[in-house]
Amino acid sequence: MKYTVEIYFPGSSSEVLVSFDASTPFISINKGDILNPTFFSTYDKSPEKVLKVINIEHIIWQHEGSTEPTQKILIFTKEENNDSNTRIFG
């Protein structure tokens, strides 16, 4: 199986911020989790901001002519302050 994770720009359901592909499953990401985008080359916001996961969509399909299915996880986010209140109280 192939695995893909797409993280979307805050407030967007169509503009991908960053995408990762792997041959092994990604760790579980859940609604409410905080993602630190500091090392995403496509995110030019202040390091004082983090991304909070507001929704997740799973897509599984098999390409025609392929025996290997693909799982894609779409992660939708909103921007939050990068401080202890965000981490402790959500």
Protein backbone atom coordinates (compact mmCIF):
# COMPACT_ATOMS: atom_id res chain seq x y z
CA MET A 1 0.00 0.00 0.00
CA LYS A 2 1.11 3.57 -0.65
CA TYR A 3 0.45 6.30 1.91
CA THR A 4 0.01 10.04 1.42
CA VAL A 5 -0.70 12.83 3.89
CA GLU A 6 -1.83 16.25 2.66
CA ILE A 7 -1.93 19.15 5.10
CA TYR A 8 -4.05 22.06 3.91
CA PHE A 9 -3.48 25.77 4.46
CA PRO A 10 -5.44 27.13 7.43
CA GLY A 11 -9.09 27.61 6.52
CA SER A 12 -8.72 25.96 3.10
CA SER A 13 -10.17 22.72 1.80
CA SER A 14 -8.47 22.99 -1.59
CA GLU A 15 -4.99 24.51 -1.20
CA VAL A 16 -2.37 21.99 -0.06
CA LEU A 17 0.30 23.42 2.23
CA VAL A 18 2.52 20.35 2.18
CA SER A 19 2.27 16.72 1.10
CA PHE A 20 4.22 13.66 2.24
CA ASP A 21 4.40 10.20 0.62
CA ALA A 22 5.57 7.01 2.32
CA SER A 23 5.62 3.25 1.92
CA THR A 24 4.61 2.76 5.57
CA PRO A 25 1.62 4.21 7.45
CA PHE A 26 1.93 7.59 9.13
CA ILE A 27 1.32 8.00 12.84
CA SER A 28 -2.23 8.72 13.86
CA ILE A 29 -3.21 12.38 13.59
CA ASN A 30 -6.46 13.39 15.25
CA LYS A 31 -8.84 16.31 15.38
CA GLY A 32 -7.51 18.78 17.96
CA ASP A 33 -3.85 17.84 17.45
CA ILE A 34 -1.33 20.65 16.99
CA LEU A 35 1.04 20.61 14.01
CA ASN A 36 4.14 22.78 14.11
CA PRO A 37 4.75 24.05 10.55
CA THR A 38 8.15 25.60 11.28
CA PHE A 39 9.95 23.28 8.87
CA PHE A 40 7.37 23.31 6.06
CA SER A 41 9.13 25.23 3.27
CA THR A 42 5.74 26.28 1.88
CA TYR A 43 4.62 28.01 5.11
CA ASP A 44 5.99 31.52 5.49
CA LYS A 45 4.04 32.59 8.57
CA SER A 46 5.47 33.63 11.89
CA PRO A 47 6.97 30.91 14.13
CA GLU A 48 4.54 32.28 16.70
CA LYS A 49 1.76 30.32 14.96
CA VAL A 50 0.93 26.61 14.91
CA LEU A 51 -1.76 24.68 13.05
CA LYS A 52 -4.62 22.97 14.87
CA VAL A 53 -6.26 20.00 13.15
CA ILE A 54 -9.97 20.77 12.72
CA ASN A 55 -10.98 17.86 10.48
CA ILE A 56 -9.57 14.81 8.74
CA GLU A 57 -10.70 12.96 5.62
CA HIS A 58 -9.56 9.49 4.57
CA ILE A 59 -9.48 8.35 0.94
CA ILE A 60 -8.57 4.82 -0.16
CA TRP A 61 -8.45 3.78 -3.81
CA GLN A 62 -6.72 1.49 -6.23
CA HIS A 63 -5.36 2.80 -9.52
CA GLU A 64 -6.62 1.00 -12.59
CA GLY A 65 -4.16 -1.71 -13.56
CA SER A 66 -2.40 -1.58 -10.19
CA THR A 67 -2.49 -4.24 -7.50
CA GLU A 68 -1.38 -1.77 -4.83
CA PRO A 69 -4.00 0.44 -3.14
CA THR A 70 -3.28 3.99 -1.95
CA GLN A 71 -4.43 5.60 1.29
CA LYS A 72 -4.54 9.39 1.45
CA ILE A 73 -5.21 11.38 4.60
CA LEU A 74 -6.35 14.98 4.14
CA ILE A 75 -5.72 17.20 7.17
CA PHE A 76 -7.65 20.46 7.48
CA THR A 77 -6.32 23.11 9.85
CA LYS A 78 -6.77 26.48 11.46
CA GLU A 79 -4.05 28.79 12.73
CA GLU A 80 -3.49 29.16 16.48
CA ASN A 81 -1.02 31.04 18.66
CA ASN A 82 2.16 29.11 19.44
CA ASP A 83 1.92 29.39 23.22
CA SER A 84 1.25 27.34 26.33
CA ASN A 85 -2.47 28.18 26.35
CA THR A 86 -2.90 26.51 22.95
CA ARG A 87 -1.00 23.43 24.09
CA ILE A 88 -2.63 23.07 27.50
CA PHE A 89 -6.20 24.25 26.94
CA GLY A 90 -6.59 23.61 23.20
